[in-house]
Amino acid sequence: MLKVYRGELLHFLADPDKVPLSESYQYFADGVMIIKNGLVEQVGEASELLAQLDENVALIHYQNGLIMPGFIDTHVHYPQTEMIASYGEQLLEWLENYTFPFERQFADFEHGKNVAEFFLNQLLAAGTTTALVFGTVHKASVDAFFTVAQQKNLRMICGKVLMDRNCPDYLSDTAQSGYEDSKALIEKWHNTERLQYAITPRFAPTSSTEQLNKAGQLLAEYPGVYLHTHLSENKAEIAWVKELFPERDGYLDVYDNSKLLGRRSVFAHGVHLHDNECQRLATTSSAIAFCPSSNLFLGSGLFNLQQAKAFNINVGLGSDIGAGTTFSMLSTINEGYKTQQLRQEKLSPFQSFYLATLGGAKALDLEGTIGNFVKGAEADFVLLDYQATPLMARRMQHCQTLTEKLFILSMLGDERHVKATHIMGERVEPEPSNDLGND
C-alpha cells in the first residue's frame, strides 16, 4: 500500500561536523516522500516523482510547514512524568526527596499503564517518535510501558531499573533478582514488533559490583539488547562513586570493569568526563545522551559537546524528564544551544537537528531504521508548522535561508509547532489546530 506526502522536506545523511555541510543533508523546498507498507520507498523533488505516480494514488499535501524525521529522545524517565518541575535540589538530594517516593507507585501495573499512556501521548505531541526510557525497579513498570507502546506501534526501548543498595528498601532488588527479572523481560519484549530492551542500572552508586557484573552477564547473553545508565552527571555524584569504588580508575572504569561498554551502551549526561574516558567511550563505540534541560535545572554543569565530537563519540539528545523540564525536542535544542554559548562555543541549527534525528539514531545503533528518509527506513516523521504562533510567523517573514528557518524553529519552537506526527506513515495525535493539509 502506497502513501504519498508532499511538502517542504529535510533529512540528514551524515553529521554536519564531519562532512561538508551540503553533503550532510537533503532538502527539498517542494518534495515528495513515497511510503510503502510503512517504510520509506523514495524521497525527491515533487516535479520528478509526481509524474511517476499513478493518478489514483492518494496524495497528502502539507503546506507552510517542514516535514522532518520524528525526533529521537535518547534518555528519559517515564515514571518521573508527574514529578517534573520539583523545586530546588541538585542530583543526589533530588533523587532522595522526589524521585524515589514517586517511583514507589510503579509496583502497580495499572498505575504504570496510566502514566505510560500520558507519557507517550506527550512524546507524540512533541514530535518524538522513539525514546530510550527508564522504568523503575519494578518488573511491572516495564510490562506496563511496553504494553502501551505496543498498542501504539511505537519504536521504544525500555528497561527495569537495577538497584540493590543506597536506596530505600521499597525500591531495592538484589543482584540475582534483578538478573532474573531482566532476563524474563528481555525474553518477553525484546524485538517484539518495534520494542527493544535496555539493561538499566540506575547508576553506579546504587548497584553493587555483583549487580553490575550480572548486568554485564546479561549483555553477553543477549548481545542485541541495550545498556542504559547515568555517567558523570554531578560532581558530588562523581566523588561518591570514588568513595564506593576506590579500586577503580574513575567513574567510567566502574562500568568498564563489569563489561558494560559497547555499541548499544548509552550513558546519560557525561558532563564531567576526562579525555581518557572519552577515548574509551569512542574505542568501545559507546554513546552519550546530551541532556541540556536537566543539566541546567539540576545545576549539574555544561556538557562539553566539542570534547565528545573531538573523540568521535556518538551523541544524541535527551529530555531527561523529570529533571528535564520539557518533552519538546525543539525546546531541548534551545537549551543545548545556550549551554554551548556559555562554553563560548557554537551549536549550529544543522548540528542541532542532526542530533535530534540521525544523531540519535546512530547513538541508538538504529541508523537505517529510523532517523532519516533513506529507502527502507521506518516512516516516522513530523510536520513542523512555521505559522503556529504569531511571533514565529512574523519572524519567519524575514528569513532568507534554510539556516535561519531552522534556527528560528529551534529557538522559538515547542509542542505547539508540531502539527502532525506520523508513525509508520500513519498520522496520529496531535491533531492539527489549523488545516495544513488536504487529502
Protein backbone atom coordinates (compact mmCIF):
# COMPACT_ATOMS: atom_id res chain seq x y z
CA MET A 1 0.00 0.00 0.00
CA LEU A 2 1.39 3.38 -1.05
CA LYS A 3 1.04 6.65 0.83
CA VAL A 4 2.44 9.86 -0.63
CA TYR A 5 3.23 13.07 1.24
CA ARG A 6 4.18 16.33 -0.43
CA GLY A 7 5.71 19.41 1.17
CA GLU A 8 8.94 21.08 2.23
CA LEU A 9 11.19 18.23 3.33
CA LEU A 10 14.52 17.90 5.20
CA HIS A 11 16.55 14.97 6.46
CA PHE A 12 20.20 14.24 7.26
CA LEU A 13 22.57 11.81 5.60
CA ALA A 14 25.65 12.45 7.79
CA ASP A 15 26.98 14.51 10.68
CA PRO A 16 27.33 18.15 9.51
CA ASP A 17 30.50 18.44 11.58
CA LYS A 18 32.18 15.56 9.75
CA VAL A 19 31.39 16.18 6.09
CA PRO A 20 30.87 19.32 4.00
CA LEU A 21 27.55 20.82 5.07
CA SER A 22 25.98 20.45 1.64
CA GLU A 23 26.66 16.69 1.75
CA SER A 24 25.18 16.21 5.23
CA TYR A 25 21.51 16.70 4.35
CA GLN A 26 18.88 16.63 1.63
CA TYR A 27 16.43 19.49 1.40
CA PHE A 28 13.50 19.79 -0.99
CA ALA A 29 11.55 23.05 -0.99
CA ASP A 30 8.80 21.11 -2.76
CA GLY A 31 9.45 17.46 -2.07
CA VAL A 32 7.64 14.15 -2.12
CA MET A 33 8.01 11.13 0.14
CA ILE A 34 6.60 7.82 -1.07
CA ILE A 35 5.84 5.29 1.67
CA LYS A 36 5.15 1.60 1.06
CA ASN A 37 3.82 -0.58 3.89
CA GLY A 38 5.08 1.87 6.50
CA LEU A 39 8.61 2.16 5.10
CA VAL A 40 10.19 4.92 3.04
CA GLU A 41 10.29 3.94 -0.61
CA GLN A 42 11.65 7.17 -2.11
CA VAL A 43 12.11 10.88 -1.49
CA GLY A 44 12.83 13.55 -4.05
CA GLU A 45 11.66 16.60 -5.91
CA ALA A 46 7.92 16.80 -6.46
CA SER A 47 8.49 17.82 -10.07
CA GLU A 48 10.25 14.50 -10.72
CA LEU A 49 8.38 11.99 -8.56
CA LEU A 50 4.78 13.08 -9.08
CA ALA A 51 5.00 12.27 -12.78
CA GLN A 52 5.91 8.67 -11.91
CA LEU A 53 2.88 8.08 -9.70
CA ASP A 54 -0.42 6.56 -10.68
CA GLU A 55 -3.03 9.31 -10.75
CA ASN A 56 -5.23 7.29 -8.37
CA VAL A 57 -2.65 7.31 -5.56
CA ALA A 58 -3.82 9.46 -2.65
CA LEU A 59 -1.59 12.49 -2.11
CA ILE A 60 -1.43 14.41 1.17
CA HIS A 61 -0.03 17.89 0.64
CA TYR A 62 1.32 19.70 3.70
CA GLN A 63 1.84 23.42 3.14
CA ASN A 64 3.52 26.12 5.16
CA GLY A 65 5.47 23.63 7.24
CA LEU A 66 8.55 21.40 7.28
CA ILE A 67 8.49 17.60 7.11
CA MET A 68 11.32 16.02 9.12
CA PRO A 69 12.08 12.60 10.64
CA GLY A 70 10.50 12.08 14.04
CA PHE A 71 12.61 13.25 16.95
CA ILE A 72 14.62 10.74 19.00
CA ASP A 73 14.95 11.11 22.77
CA THR A 74 18.00 9.14 23.96
CA HIS A 75 17.36 9.49 27.70
CA VAL A 76 14.07 9.91 29.58
CA HIS A 77 12.33 8.52 32.69
CA TYR A 78 8.65 7.78 32.14
CA PRO A 79 7.93 7.23 35.88
CA GLN A 80 9.10 10.77 36.61
CA THR A 81 6.43 12.39 34.42
CA GLU A 82 4.30 13.53 37.36
CA MET A 83 7.21 14.92 39.39
CA ILE A 84 8.54 17.22 36.68
CA ALA A 85 9.46 20.69 37.98
CA SER A 86 10.20 19.62 41.57
CA TYR A 87 11.93 22.56 43.20
CA GLY A 88 15.31 23.36 44.48
CA GLU A 89 17.70 20.41 44.71
CA GLN A 90 20.77 19.07 42.98
CA LEU A 91 21.02 15.48 41.82
CA LEU A 92 21.50 13.37 44.94
CA GLU A 93 19.06 15.30 47.13
CA TRP A 94 16.56 15.43 44.27
CA LEU A 95 16.61 11.64 43.94
CA GLU A 96 16.04 11.12 47.65
CA ASN A 97 13.38 13.78 48.16
CA TYR A 98 11.35 13.42 44.97
CA THR A 99 12.29 10.57 42.65
CA PHE A 100 12.29 7.58 44.95
CA PRO A 101 8.89 8.31 46.57
CA PHE A 102 7.26 8.76 43.14
CA GLU A 103 8.78 5.59 41.72
CA ARG A 104 7.33 3.52 44.56
CA GLN A 105 3.90 3.69 42.91
CA PHE A 106 5.05 1.71 39.86
CA ALA A 107 4.76 -1.64 41.59
CA ASP A 108 1.14 -1.29 40.41
CA PHE A 109 0.78 -2.35 36.75
CA GLU A 110 -2.36 -0.27 36.20
CA HIS A 111 -0.68 2.86 37.57
CA GLY A 112 2.23 2.24 35.20
CA LYS A 113 -0.13 1.88 32.25
CA ASN A 114 -1.92 5.09 33.12
CA VAL A 115 1.31 7.08 33.33
CA ALA A 116 2.77 5.39 30.22
CA GLU A 117 -0.31 6.37 28.20
CA PHE A 118 0.02 10.01 29.22
CA PHE A 119 3.81 9.99 28.79
CA LEU A 120 3.71 8.53 25.28
CA ASN A 121 0.99 10.96 24.23
CA GLN A 122 3.19 13.80 25.46
CA LEU A 123 6.11 12.49 23.41
CA LEU A 124 3.98 12.19 20.29
CA ALA A 125 2.56 15.67 20.80
CA ALA A 126 6.14 16.94 20.90
CA GLY A 127 7.07 15.04 17.73
CA THR A 128 9.19 12.42 19.48
CA THR A 129 8.66 9.03 17.89
CA THR A 130 11.45 6.96 19.52
CA ALA A 131 12.86 7.12 23.05
CA LEU A 132 15.28 5.25 25.31
CA VAL A 133 13.32 5.04 28.55
CA PHE A 134 13.93 4.22 32.20
CA GLY A 135 11.30 2.19 34.02
CA THR A 136 11.53 1.63 37.77
CA VAL A 137 12.91 -1.27 39.78
CA HIS A 138 9.51 -2.96 39.41
CA LYS A 139 9.12 -5.52 36.65
CA ALA A 140 5.51 -4.35 36.30
CA SER A 141 6.66 -0.86 35.29
CA VAL A 142 8.27 -2.22 32.13
CA ASP A 143 5.41 -4.58 31.32
CA ALA A 144 3.06 -1.59 31.60
CA PHE A 145 5.19 0.65 29.42
CA PHE A 146 5.69 -1.90 26.66
CA THR A 147 2.01 -2.85 26.70
CA VAL A 148 1.01 0.72 25.87
CA ALA A 149 3.87 1.32 23.41
CA GLN A 150 2.96 -1.86 21.55
CA GLN A 151 -0.65 -0.72 21.22
CA LYS A 152 0.60 2.49 19.62
CA ASN A 153 3.03 0.63 17.29
CA LEU A 154 5.96 2.72 18.53
CA ARG A 155 9.68 2.02 18.34
CA MET A 156 10.57 2.28 22.02
CA ILE A 157 13.41 0.97 24.18
CA CYS A 158 12.89 0.48 27.92
CA GLY A 159 14.28 -1.42 30.87
CA LYS A 160 13.77 -2.31 34.53
CA VAL A 161 15.99 -0.35 36.89
CA LEU A 162 18.66 -2.35 38.75
CA MET A 163 19.29 -1.02 42.25
CA ASP A 164 20.47 -3.17 45.15
CA ARG A 165 21.99 -0.64 47.57
CA ASN A 166 21.95 3.01 48.67
CA CYS A 167 18.24 3.28 48.02
CA PRO A 168 15.02 2.82 50.02
CA ASP A 169 14.17 -0.79 50.89
CA TYR A 170 10.92 -0.45 48.94
CA LEU A 171 12.92 0.17 45.72
CA SER A 172 15.67 -2.37 46.22
CA ASP A 173 16.17 -5.58 44.30
CA THR A 174 19.14 -7.95 44.53
CA ALA A 175 21.84 -8.85 42.05
CA GLN A 176 20.12 -12.17 41.39
CA SER A 177 16.50 -10.97 41.33
CA GLY A 178 17.46 -8.07 39.09
CA TYR A 179 19.17 -10.50 36.73
CA GLU A 180 16.20 -12.87 36.66
CA ASP A 181 13.58 -10.14 36.21
CA SER A 182 15.60 -8.51 33.43
CA LYS A 183 16.10 -11.85 31.70
CA ALA A 184 12.36 -12.55 31.79
CA LEU A 185 11.57 -9.10 30.39
CA ILE A 186 14.16 -9.46 27.62
CA GLU A 187 12.70 -12.78 26.52
CA LYS A 188 9.17 -11.38 26.61
CA TRP A 189 9.66 -8.00 24.97
CA HIS A 190 12.99 -7.56 23.15
CA ASN A 191 12.39 -7.36 19.39
CA THR A 192 8.65 -7.86 19.86
CA GLU A 193 7.30 -5.78 16.97
CA ARG A 194 9.07 -2.40 17.37
CA LEU A 195 10.09 -2.80 21.02
CA GLN A 196 13.62 -3.33 22.36
CA TYR A 197 15.06 -3.86 25.81
CA ALA A 198 17.70 -1.94 27.77
CA ILE A 199 19.53 -3.36 30.78
CA THR A 200 19.24 -0.44 33.20
CA PRO A 201 21.40 0.02 36.31
CA ARG A 202 20.27 3.37 37.71
CA PHE A 203 23.86 4.49 38.29
CA ALA A 204 26.97 3.06 39.88
CA PRO A 205 26.24 4.22 43.47
CA THR A 206 23.01 2.22 43.67
CA SER A 207 24.41 -1.05 42.29
CA SER A 208 26.92 -3.35 43.93
CA THR A 209 29.80 -4.70 41.88
CA GLU A 210 27.98 -8.04 41.91
CA GLN A 211 24.90 -6.45 40.35
CA LEU A 212 26.90 -4.58 37.72
CA ASN A 213 28.66 -7.84 36.86
CA LYS A 214 25.28 -9.56 36.45
CA ALA A 215 24.27 -6.75 34.10
CA GLY A 216 27.42 -7.46 32.10
CA GLN A 217 26.49 -11.14 32.07
CA LEU A 218 23.09 -10.26 30.60
CA LEU A 219 24.72 -8.17 27.89
CA ALA A 220 26.92 -11.12 26.96
CA GLU A 221 23.94 -13.49 26.92
CA TYR A 222 21.74 -11.14 24.88
CA PRO A 223 24.12 -9.15 22.64
CA GLY A 224 21.31 -7.30 20.83
CA VAL A 225 19.96 -5.52 23.90
CA TYR A 226 20.96 -2.08 25.18
CA LEU A 227 22.75 -0.85 28.29
CA HIS A 228 21.30 2.40 29.66
CA THR A 229 22.61 4.22 32.72
CA HIS A 230 23.97 7.52 34.06
CA LEU A 231 27.57 8.74 34.00
CA SER A 232 29.42 11.73 35.45
CA GLU A 233 26.40 13.98 35.76
CA ASN A 234 27.20 15.79 39.01
CA LYS A 235 30.45 16.46 40.88
CA ALA A 236 29.12 15.20 44.22
CA GLU A 237 27.95 12.03 42.46
CA ILE A 238 31.42 11.51 40.98
CA ALA A 239 33.03 11.94 44.40
CA TRP A 240 30.59 9.38 45.83
CA VAL A 241 31.50 6.88 43.13
CA LYS A 242 35.17 7.33 44.01
CA GLU A 243 34.38 6.54 47.67
CA LEU A 244 32.32 3.48 46.79
CA PHE A 245 34.74 2.07 44.22
CA PRO A 246 38.22 3.16 45.38
CA GLU A 247 39.84 0.33 43.42
CA ARG A 248 38.57 1.65 40.10
CA ASP A 249 40.20 4.31 37.93
CA GLY A 250 37.25 6.70 37.73
CA TYR A 251 33.51 6.52 37.15
CA LEU A 252 33.54 5.04 33.65
CA ASP A 253 36.01 2.37 34.73
CA VAL A 254 33.39 1.04 37.18
CA TYR A 255 31.15 0.20 34.24
CA ASP A 256 34.04 -0.89 32.05
CA ASN A 257 35.21 -3.37 34.67
CA SER A 258 31.78 -5.02 34.54
CA LYS A 259 31.89 -5.16 30.73
CA LEU A 260 29.07 -2.67 30.23
CA LEU A 261 30.56 -0.59 27.41
CA GLY A 262 29.69 -1.28 23.79
CA ARG A 263 27.87 -0.34 20.62
CA ARG A 264 24.44 -0.32 22.28
CA SER A 265 25.55 1.23 25.57
CA VAL A 266 24.14 4.72 26.14
CA PHE A 267 25.42 6.82 29.04
CA ALA A 268 23.30 9.79 30.07
CA HIS A 269 24.96 13.15 30.72
CA GLY A 270 28.77 12.75 30.69
CA VAL A 271 29.05 16.35 31.84
CA HIS A 272 32.40 15.91 33.62
CA LEU A 273 34.49 13.50 31.55
CA HIS A 274 38.26 13.19 31.32
CA ASP A 275 39.89 12.77 27.93
CA ASN A 276 40.87 9.18 28.72
CA GLU A 277 37.22 8.38 29.46
CA CYS A 278 36.15 9.94 26.16
CA GLN A 279 38.76 7.88 24.37
CA ARG A 280 37.43 4.71 25.99
CA LEU A 281 33.83 5.58 25.08
CA ALA A 282 34.92 6.12 21.49
CA THR A 283 37.00 2.93 21.32
CA THR A 284 34.05 0.86 22.51
CA SER A 285 31.55 2.72 20.27
CA SER A 286 29.52 3.69 23.35
CA ALA A 287 27.21 6.72 23.14
CA ILE A 288 26.33 9.75 25.26
CA ALA A 289 22.88 11.27 25.76
CA PHE A 290 23.26 15.06 25.97
CA CYS A 291 20.54 16.36 28.33
CA PRO A 292 20.84 20.17 28.49
CA SER A 293 17.49 20.94 30.11
CA SER A 294 18.19 18.58 33.00
CA ASN A 295 21.81 19.68 33.37
CA LEU A 296 20.70 23.30 33.73
CA PHE A 297 17.75 22.52 36.02
CA LEU A 298 19.81 20.49 38.50
CA GLY A 299 22.86 22.74 38.17
CA SER A 300 24.98 19.80 37.05
CA GLY A 301 27.14 21.66 34.52
CA LEU A 302 27.58 22.38 30.83
CA PHE A 303 28.17 19.36 28.59
CA ASN A 304 31.36 19.59 26.54
CA LEU A 305 29.96 18.70 23.13
CA GLN A 306 33.17 19.68 21.36
CA GLN A 307 35.16 17.26 23.52
CA ALA A 308 32.79 14.44 22.63
CA LYS A 309 32.97 15.36 18.95
CA ALA A 310 36.78 15.51 19.05
CA PHE A 311 36.83 11.90 20.22
CA ASN A 312 34.21 10.85 17.66
CA ILE A 313 31.68 9.74 20.28
CA ASN A 314 28.12 9.21 19.08
CA VAL A 315 25.89 11.78 20.80
CA GLY A 316 22.10 12.08 20.88
CA LEU A 317 19.78 14.48 22.69
CA GLY A 318 17.82 13.54 25.80
CA SER A 319 14.95 15.32 27.53
CA ASP A 320 15.66 13.53 30.84
CA ILE A 321 12.12 14.02 32.12
CA GLY A 322 11.59 14.64 35.05
CA ALA A 323 14.79 16.57 35.84
CA GLY A 324 14.42 17.93 32.35
CA THR A 325 11.56 20.39 32.13
CA THR A 326 10.26 19.77 28.61
CA PHE A 327 9.17 16.88 26.41
CA SER A 328 9.86 19.05 23.37
CA MET A 329 13.00 18.30 21.42
CA LEU A 330 12.72 21.80 19.92
CA SER A 331 12.93 23.27 23.42
CA THR A 332 15.73 20.84 24.28
CA ILE A 333 17.69 22.11 21.27
CA ASN A 334 17.09 25.64 22.58
CA GLU A 335 18.65 24.69 25.93
CA GLY A 336 21.51 22.89 24.20
CA TYR A 337 22.38 25.95 22.16
CA LYS A 338 22.55 28.05 25.31
CA THR A 339 24.80 25.59 27.15
CA GLN A 340 27.28 25.78 24.31
CA GLN A 341 27.08 29.57 24.25
CA LEU A 342 28.03 29.56 27.92
CA ARG A 343 31.02 27.42 26.99
CA GLN A 344 31.96 30.05 24.35
CA GLU A 345 31.22 27.51 21.63
CA LYS A 346 28.72 27.37 18.78
CA LEU A 347 25.96 24.86 18.07
CA SER A 348 24.65 25.32 14.55
CA PRO A 349 21.00 24.65 13.74
CA PHE A 350 22.06 21.92 11.32
CA GLN A 351 24.03 20.18 14.05
CA SER A 352 21.13 20.60 16.48
CA PHE A 353 18.57 18.98 14.20
CA TYR A 354 21.06 16.28 13.26
CA LEU A 355 21.47 15.40 16.96
CA ALA A 356 17.68 15.25 17.38
CA THR A 357 17.21 12.88 14.42
CA LEU A 358 20.01 10.94 12.71
CA GLY A 359 22.46 11.58 15.57
CA GLY A 360 20.02 9.99 17.97
CA ALA A 361 19.53 7.05 15.61
CA LYS A 362 23.30 6.50 15.47
CA ALA A 363 23.56 6.75 19.26
CA LEU A 364 20.92 4.00 19.47
CA ASP A 365 22.52 1.89 16.72
CA LEU A 366 19.40 2.34 14.62
CA GLU A 367 20.79 4.18 11.60
CA GLY A 368 18.96 2.95 8.53
CA THR A 369 15.93 2.01 10.64
CA ILE A 370 14.92 5.45 11.94
CA GLY A 371 16.35 8.97 11.91
CA ASN A 372 16.15 9.84 8.22
CA PHE A 373 14.34 9.06 4.98
CA VAL A 374 16.66 6.57 3.31
CA LYS A 375 14.98 3.76 1.41
CA GLY A 376 13.69 1.11 3.81
CA ALA A 377 13.64 3.33 6.89
CA GLU A 378 10.55 3.28 9.06
CA ALA A 379 8.37 6.24 8.10
CA ASP A 380 8.15 8.02 11.45
CA PHE A 381 8.05 11.75 10.78
CA VAL A 382 6.68 15.10 11.89
CA LEU A 383 5.30 18.27 10.36
CA LEU A 384 6.67 21.45 11.92
CA ASP A 385 4.44 24.48 11.40
CA TYR A 386 6.11 27.81 10.64
CA GLN A 387 2.87 29.68 11.42
CA ALA A 388 1.89 28.06 14.74
CA THR A 389 2.39 31.24 16.76
CA PRO A 390 2.09 34.88 15.69
CA LEU A 391 5.67 35.56 16.83
CA MET A 392 7.18 32.78 14.74
CA ALA A 393 5.00 33.64 11.75
CA ARG A 394 6.15 37.23 11.93
CA ARG A 395 9.80 36.31 12.42
CA MET A 396 9.72 33.87 9.50
CA GLN A 397 8.77 36.71 7.15
CA HIS A 398 12.35 37.96 7.43
CA CYS A 399 14.07 34.63 6.69
CA GLN A 400 16.41 34.40 3.74
CA THR A 401 17.93 30.93 4.20
CA LEU A 402 17.20 27.42 5.46
CA THR A 403 19.74 28.03 8.23
CA GLU A 404 17.64 30.91 9.53
CA LYS A 405 14.41 28.90 9.38
CA LEU A 406 15.92 26.03 11.34
CA PHE A 407 17.42 28.33 13.93
CA ILE A 408 14.11 30.12 14.47
CA LEU A 409 12.32 26.78 14.83
CA SER A 410 14.85 25.71 17.44
CA MET A 411 14.74 28.96 19.41
CA LEU A 412 11.02 29.78 19.27
CA GLY A 413 9.58 26.30 18.73
CA ASP A 414 7.89 23.92 21.17
CA GLU A 415 5.00 21.42 21.15
CA ARG A 416 2.71 23.99 19.51
CA HIS A 417 4.82 23.85 16.38
CA VAL A 418 4.40 20.09 15.90
CA LYS A 419 1.23 19.98 13.85
CA ALA A 420 1.26 16.33 12.83
CA THR A 421 3.15 13.25 13.98
CA HIS A 422 3.27 10.12 11.84
CA ILE A 423 4.07 6.54 12.85
CA MET A 424 4.95 4.13 10.05
CA GLY A 425 3.37 6.56 7.59
CA GLU A 426 0.11 6.96 9.53
CA ARG A 427 -0.84 10.27 11.13
CA VAL A 428 -1.51 10.08 14.87
CA GLU A 429 -2.02 12.63 17.64
CA PRO A 430 -1.70 15.54 17.99
CA GLU A 431 -4.50 16.70 15.75
CA PRO A 432 -3.78 19.97 13.97
CA SER A 433 -5.25 23.18 15.35
CA ASN A 434 -5.46 24.55 11.81
CA ASP A 435 -5.76 22.80 8.49
CA LEU A 436 -2.33 22.37 6.91
CA GLY A 437 -3.13 19.59 4.53
CA ASN A 438 -5.86 18.17 2.39
CA ASP A 439 -6.29 14.69 1.02
